[in-house]
Amino acid sequence: MEHYTSESSDNEDQARIIDLAYLLRNPESVDQSLEEYLKGDSKKYLDVEKIILHHNELNVIPKNLSRFINIRVLDVSNNGLTALPNIFQHCQLTNLILKNNRLQNETLPKEFTECLTLKELNLSGNNISQFPEQILSFPNLKFLYLGGNAMQNISKDVWRLKQ
């Protein structure tokens, strides 16, 4: 798995990354930072491809995140997320990193299946006790991380993840 950072020498790449990692911010504070980023240019959100929010104090996904419709990479690992909102409809995500949160089977959205571009999904280190069957609907999934959960069994249909 790649580690993304906004410390790039290429200014064009920096404009495509919002890195708010390790700032210990709550959802409201992250929403404010995202709103500040958008000030002055209402279409600036279209350029963002990576949003890094790991190691904060998020228990929910910030509301403004849904405005960034072209993000490819979203890292919200090492937070306190207990649920995922319905922000995955019509998304362009290729990498979704949700490791080390408090997600459970019931809190994983069924809308995951509408995110057809997803190639990497990291749900390791959560409170998932059963294999999330909706994952089997991802046609392009190549990397799936589920370690560090309390799963006793893997779905017999896991063969459907043939890529």
C-alpha atoms as a PDB file:
ATOM      1  CA  MET A   1       0.000   0.000   0.000  1.00  0.00           C
ATOM      2  CA  GLU A   2       1.249   3.419  -0.854  1.00  0.00           C
ATOM      3  CA  HIS A   3       1.649   6.227   1.636  1.00  0.00           C
ATOM      4  CA  TYR A   4       0.432   9.536   0.277  1.00  0.00           C
ATOM      5  CA  THR A   5       1.721  12.857   1.430  1.00  0.00           C
ATOM      6  CA  SER A   6       1.281  16.440   0.354  1.00  0.00           C
ATOM      7  CA  GLU A   7       5.000  17.089   0.715  1.00  0.00           C
ATOM      8  CA  SER A   8       5.706  16.875  -2.979  1.00  0.00           C
ATOM      9  CA  SER A   9       8.004  19.083  -4.974  1.00  0.00           C
ATOM     10  CA  ASP A  10       5.398  19.283  -7.714  1.00  0.00           C
ATOM     11  CA  ASN A  11       2.928  22.087  -6.979  1.00  0.00           C
ATOM     12  CA  GLU A  12       0.362  20.566  -9.331  1.00  0.00           C
ATOM     13  CA  ASP A  13       0.336  17.391  -7.235  1.00  0.00           C
ATOM     14  CA  GLN A  14       0.006  19.431  -4.046  1.00  0.00           C
ATOM     15  CA  ALA A  15      -3.149  21.037  -5.420  1.00  0.00           C
ATOM     16  CA  ARG A  16      -4.637  17.575  -5.862  1.00  0.00           C
ATOM     17  CA  ILE A  17      -3.989  16.415  -2.290  1.00  0.00           C
ATOM     18  CA  ILE A  18      -5.570  17.574   0.937  1.00  0.00           C
ATOM     19  CA  ASP A  19      -3.513  16.214   3.813  1.00  0.00           C
ATOM     20  CA  LEU A  20      -4.982  16.790   7.273  1.00  0.00           C
ATOM     21  CA  ALA A  21      -3.320  13.783   8.906  1.00  0.00           C
ATOM     22  CA  TYR A  22      -2.079  13.748  12.513  1.00  0.00           C
ATOM     23  CA  LEU A  23      -3.874  16.971  13.412  1.00  0.00           C
ATOM     24  CA  LEU A  24      -6.188  15.364  15.993  1.00  0.00           C
ATOM     25  CA  ARG A  25      -9.169  17.229  14.601  1.00  0.00           C
ATOM     26  CA  ASN A  26     -12.841  16.478  15.160  1.00  0.00           C
ATOM     27  CA  PRO A  27     -15.357  16.265  12.277  1.00  0.00           C
ATOM     28  CA  GLU A  28     -16.464  19.896  12.630  1.00  0.00           C
ATOM     29  CA  SER A  29     -12.886  21.158  12.521  1.00  0.00           C
ATOM     30  CA  VAL A  30     -12.142  19.047   9.431  1.00  0.00           C
ATOM     31  CA  ASP A  31     -15.322  20.374   7.796  1.00  0.00           C
ATOM     32  CA  GLN A  32     -14.105  23.921   8.470  1.00  0.00           C
ATOM     33  CA  SER A  33     -10.695  23.141   6.952  1.00  0.00           C
ATOM     34  CA  LEU A  34     -12.320  21.676   3.852  1.00  0.00           C
ATOM     35  CA  GLU A  35     -14.596  24.718   3.587  1.00  0.00           C
ATOM     36  CA  GLU A  36     -11.574  27.036   3.852  1.00  0.00           C
ATOM     37  CA  TYR A  37      -9.910  25.072   1.079  1.00  0.00           C
ATOM     38  CA  LEU A  38     -12.897  25.735  -1.170  1.00  0.00           C
ATOM     39  CA  LYS A  39     -13.054  29.499  -0.487  1.00  0.00           C
ATOM     40  CA  GLY A  40     -12.687  31.683  -3.529  1.00  0.00           C
ATOM     41  CA  ASP A  41     -12.972  28.913  -6.106  1.00  0.00           C
ATOM     42  CA  SER A  42     -16.200  26.951  -6.159  1.00  0.00           C
ATOM     43  CA  LYS A  43     -14.776  24.421  -8.635  1.00  0.00           C
ATOM     44  CA  LYS A  44     -11.544  23.771  -6.753  1.00  0.00           C
ATOM     45  CA  TYR A  45     -13.029  20.625  -5.238  1.00  0.00           C
ATOM     46  CA  LEU A  46     -13.047  19.019  -8.699  1.00  0.00           C
ATOM     47  CA  ASP A  47      -9.229  18.976  -8.777  1.00  0.00           C
ATOM     48  CA  VAL A  48      -8.735  17.069  -5.515  1.00  0.00           C
ATOM     49  CA  GLU A  49      -7.818  13.419  -6.007  1.00  0.00           C
ATOM     50  CA  LYS A  50      -6.534  12.414  -2.557  1.00  0.00           C
ATOM     51  CA  ILE A  51      -7.802  13.286   0.894  1.00  0.00           C
ATOM     52  CA  ILE A  52      -5.757  12.114   3.849  1.00  0.00           C
ATOM     53  CA  LEU A  53      -7.474  12.286   7.239  1.00  0.00           C
ATOM     54  CA  HIS A  54      -5.772   9.522   9.207  1.00  0.00           C
ATOM     55  CA  HIS A  55      -4.890   9.914  12.898  1.00  0.00           C
ATOM     56  CA  ASN A  56      -7.547  12.448  13.789  1.00  0.00           C
ATOM     57  CA  GLU A  57     -10.479  12.241  16.200  1.00  0.00           C
ATOM     58  CA  LEU A  58     -13.194  11.526  13.668  1.00  0.00           C
ATOM     59  CA  ASN A  59     -16.181   9.483  14.780  1.00  0.00           C
ATOM     60  CA  VAL A  60     -18.090  10.344  11.588  1.00  0.00           C
ATOM     61  CA  ILE A  61     -17.062  11.236   8.049  1.00  0.00           C
ATOM     62  CA  PRO A  62     -16.996  15.040   7.650  1.00  0.00           C
ATOM     63  CA  LYS A  63     -20.027  16.337   5.706  1.00  0.00           C
ATOM     64  CA  ASN A  64     -18.013  18.403   3.236  1.00  0.00           C
ATOM     65  CA  LEU A  65     -16.194  15.306   2.039  1.00  0.00           C
ATOM     66  CA  SER A  66     -19.106  14.430  -0.234  1.00  0.00           C
ATOM     67  CA  ARG A  67     -18.432  17.589  -2.283  1.00  0.00           C
ATOM     68  CA  PHE A  68     -15.124  16.165  -3.537  1.00  0.00           C
ATOM     69  CA  ILE A  69     -16.587  13.954  -6.231  1.00  0.00           C
ATOM     70  CA  ASN A  70     -13.328  13.208  -8.040  1.00  0.00           C
ATOM     71  CA  ILE A  71     -11.294  11.820  -5.163  1.00  0.00           C
ATOM     72  CA  ARG A  72      -9.504   8.586  -5.941  1.00  0.00           C
ATOM     73  CA  VAL A  73      -7.871   7.979  -2.557  1.00  0.00           C
ATOM     74  CA  LEU A  74      -9.522   8.462   0.823  1.00  0.00           C
ATOM     75  CA  ASP A  75      -7.604   7.548   3.969  1.00  0.00           C
ATOM     76  CA  VAL A  76      -9.564   7.875   7.197  1.00  0.00           C
ATOM     77  CA  SER A  77      -7.642   5.241   9.108  1.00  0.00           C
ATOM     78  CA  ASN A  78      -6.823   5.421  12.810  1.00  0.00           C
ATOM     79  CA  ASN A  79      -9.859   7.433  13.802  1.00  0.00           C
ATOM     80  CA  GLY A  80     -12.929   6.431  15.800  1.00  0.00           C
ATOM     81  CA  LEU A  81     -15.375   5.927  12.936  1.00  0.00           C
ATOM     82  CA  THR A  82     -18.381   3.890  14.002  1.00  0.00           C
ATOM     83  CA  ALA A  83     -20.384   4.210  10.784  1.00  0.00           C
ATOM     84  CA  LEU A  84     -20.014   5.226   7.166  1.00  0.00           C
ATOM     85  CA  PRO A  85     -22.522   7.581   5.551  1.00  0.00           C
ATOM     86  CA  ASN A  86     -23.954   7.186   2.093  1.00  0.00           C
ATOM     87  CA  ILE A  87     -21.163   9.089   0.324  1.00  0.00           C
ATOM     88  CA  PHE A  88     -20.101   6.227  -1.906  1.00  0.00           C
ATOM     89  CA  GLN A  89     -22.753   6.589  -4.568  1.00  0.00           C
ATOM     90  CA  HIS A  90     -21.254   7.534  -7.908  1.00  0.00           C
ATOM     91  CA  CYS A  91     -17.808   7.847  -6.400  1.00  0.00           C
ATOM     92  CA  GLN A  92     -14.515   7.575  -8.255  1.00  0.00           C
ATOM     93  CA  LEU A  93     -12.569   6.016  -5.382  1.00  0.00           C
ATOM     94  CA  THR A  94      -9.871   3.509  -6.214  1.00  0.00           C
ATOM     95  CA  ASN A  95      -8.400   3.286  -2.694  1.00  0.00           C
ATOM     96  CA  LEU A  96     -10.454   3.413   0.492  1.00  0.00           C
ATOM     97  CA  ILE A  97      -8.485   3.007   3.711  1.00  0.00           C
ATOM     98  CA  LEU A  98     -10.632   2.551   6.797  1.00  0.00           C
ATOM     99  CA  LYS A  99      -8.273   0.541   9.005  1.00  0.00           C
ATOM    100  CA  ASN A 100      -8.205   0.878  12.790  1.00  0.00           C
ATOM    101  CA  ASN A 101     -11.631   2.370  13.377  1.00  0.00           C
ATOM    102  CA  ARG A 102     -14.706   0.972  15.151  1.00  0.00           C
ATOM    103  CA  LEU A 103     -16.743  -0.139  12.144  1.00  0.00           C
ATOM    104  CA  GLN A 104     -19.079  -3.099  12.494  1.00  0.00           C
ATOM    105  CA  ASN A 105     -20.986  -5.244  10.017  1.00  0.00           C
ATOM    106  CA  GLU A 106     -24.177  -3.237  10.472  1.00  0.00           C
ATOM    107  CA  THR A 107     -22.402   0.066   9.905  1.00  0.00           C
ATOM    108  CA  LEU A 108     -20.915  -0.797   6.506  1.00  0.00           C
ATOM    109  CA  PRO A 109     -23.080   0.787   3.818  1.00  0.00           C
ATOM    110  CA  LYS A 110     -24.865  -1.295   1.224  1.00  0.00           C
ATOM    111  CA  GLU A 111     -23.993   1.504  -1.235  1.00  0.00           C
ATOM    112  CA  PHE A 112     -20.469   0.145  -1.385  1.00  0.00           C
ATOM    113  CA  THR A 113     -21.660  -1.797  -4.395  1.00  0.00           C
ATOM    114  CA  GLU A 114     -22.146   1.427  -6.337  1.00  0.00           C
ATOM    115  CA  CYS A 115     -18.451   2.296  -6.096  1.00  0.00           C
ATOM    116  CA  LEU A 116     -17.396   0.310  -9.148  1.00  0.00           C
ATOM    117  CA  THR A 117     -13.904   1.788  -9.467  1.00  0.00           C
ATOM    118  CA  LEU A 118     -12.645   0.563  -6.085  1.00  0.00           C
ATOM    119  CA  LYS A 119      -9.403  -1.431  -6.365  1.00  0.00           C
ATOM    120  CA  GLU A 120      -8.196  -1.405  -2.766  1.00  0.00           C
ATOM    121  CA  LEU A 121     -10.290  -1.665   0.394  1.00  0.00           C
ATOM    122  CA  ASN A 122      -8.682  -1.786   3.819  1.00  0.00           C
ATOM    123  CA  LEU A 123     -11.049  -2.643   6.665  1.00  0.00           C
ATOM    124  CA  SER A 124      -8.439  -4.207   8.941  1.00  0.00           C
ATOM    125  CA  GLY A 125      -8.462  -3.505  12.659  1.00  0.00           C
ATOM    126  CA  ASN A 126     -12.185  -2.826  13.012  1.00  0.00           C
ATOM    127  CA  ASN A 127     -15.000  -4.667  14.848  1.00  0.00           C
ATOM    128  CA  ILE A 128     -16.218  -6.705  11.896  1.00  0.00           C
ATOM    129  CA  SER A 129     -17.367 -10.176  12.914  1.00  0.00           C
ATOM    130  CA  GLN A 130     -18.719 -11.496   9.602  1.00  0.00           C
ATOM    131  CA  PHE A 131     -17.379 -11.294   6.087  1.00  0.00           C
ATOM    132  CA  PRO A 132     -19.047  -8.229   4.476  1.00  0.00           C
ATOM    133  CA  GLU A 133     -20.938  -9.812   1.568  1.00  0.00           C
ATOM    134  CA  GLN A 134     -21.364  -6.485  -0.265  1.00  0.00           C
ATOM    135  CA  ILE A 135     -17.617  -6.551  -0.964  1.00  0.00           C
ATOM    136  CA  LEU A 136     -18.209  -9.399  -3.392  1.00  0.00           C
ATOM    137  CA  SER A 137     -19.954  -6.951  -5.741  1.00  0.00           C
ATOM    138  CA  PHE A 138     -16.842  -4.880  -6.450  1.00  0.00           C
ATOM    139  CA  PRO A 139     -15.853  -5.809 -10.011  1.00  0.00           C
ATOM    140  CA  ASN A 140     -12.365  -4.226  -9.887  1.00  0.00           C
ATOM    141  CA  LEU A 141     -11.267  -5.007  -6.321  1.00  0.00           C
ATOM    142  CA  LYS A 142      -7.685  -6.286  -6.287  1.00  0.00           C
ATOM    143  CA  PHE A 143      -6.583  -5.700  -2.697  1.00  0.00           C
ATOM    144  CA  LEU A 144      -8.739  -6.503   0.320  1.00  0.00           C
ATOM    145  CA  TYR A 145      -7.464  -6.201   3.878  1.00  0.00           C
ATOM    146  CA  LEU A 146      -9.587  -7.626   6.692  1.00  0.00           C
ATOM    147  CA  GLY A 147      -6.970  -8.668   9.276  1.00  0.00           C
ATOM    148  CA  GLY A 148      -7.370  -7.699  12.907  1.00  0.00           C
ATOM    149  CA  ASN A 149     -11.144  -8.195  12.962  1.00  0.00           C
ATOM    150  CA  ALA A 150     -13.121 -10.802  14.885  1.00  0.00           C
ATOM    151  CA  MET A 151     -14.210 -12.787  11.829  1.00  0.00           C
ATOM    152  CA  GLN A 152     -14.631 -16.495  12.393  1.00  0.00           C
ATOM    153  CA  ASN A 153     -15.442 -17.442   8.785  1.00  0.00           C
ATOM    154  CA  ILE A 154     -14.839 -16.181   5.294  1.00  0.00           C
ATOM    155  CA  SER A 155     -17.696 -16.278   2.807  1.00  0.00           C
ATOM    156  CA  LYS A 156     -17.814 -19.376   0.622  1.00  0.00           C
ATOM    157  CA  ASP A 157     -18.392 -16.963  -2.283  1.00  0.00           C
ATOM    158  CA  VAL A 158     -15.004 -15.268  -1.828  1.00  0.00           C
ATOM    159  CA  TRP A 159     -13.946 -16.955  -5.076  1.00  0.00           C
ATOM    160  CA  ARG A 160     -16.050 -14.272  -6.831  1.00  0.00           C
ATOM    161  CA  LEU A 161     -13.193 -11.867  -6.077  1.00  0.00           C
ATOM    162  CA  LYS A 162     -11.247 -13.392  -8.913  1.00  0.00           C
ATOM    163  CA  GLN A 163      -9.008 -10.468  -9.748  1.00  0.00           C
END
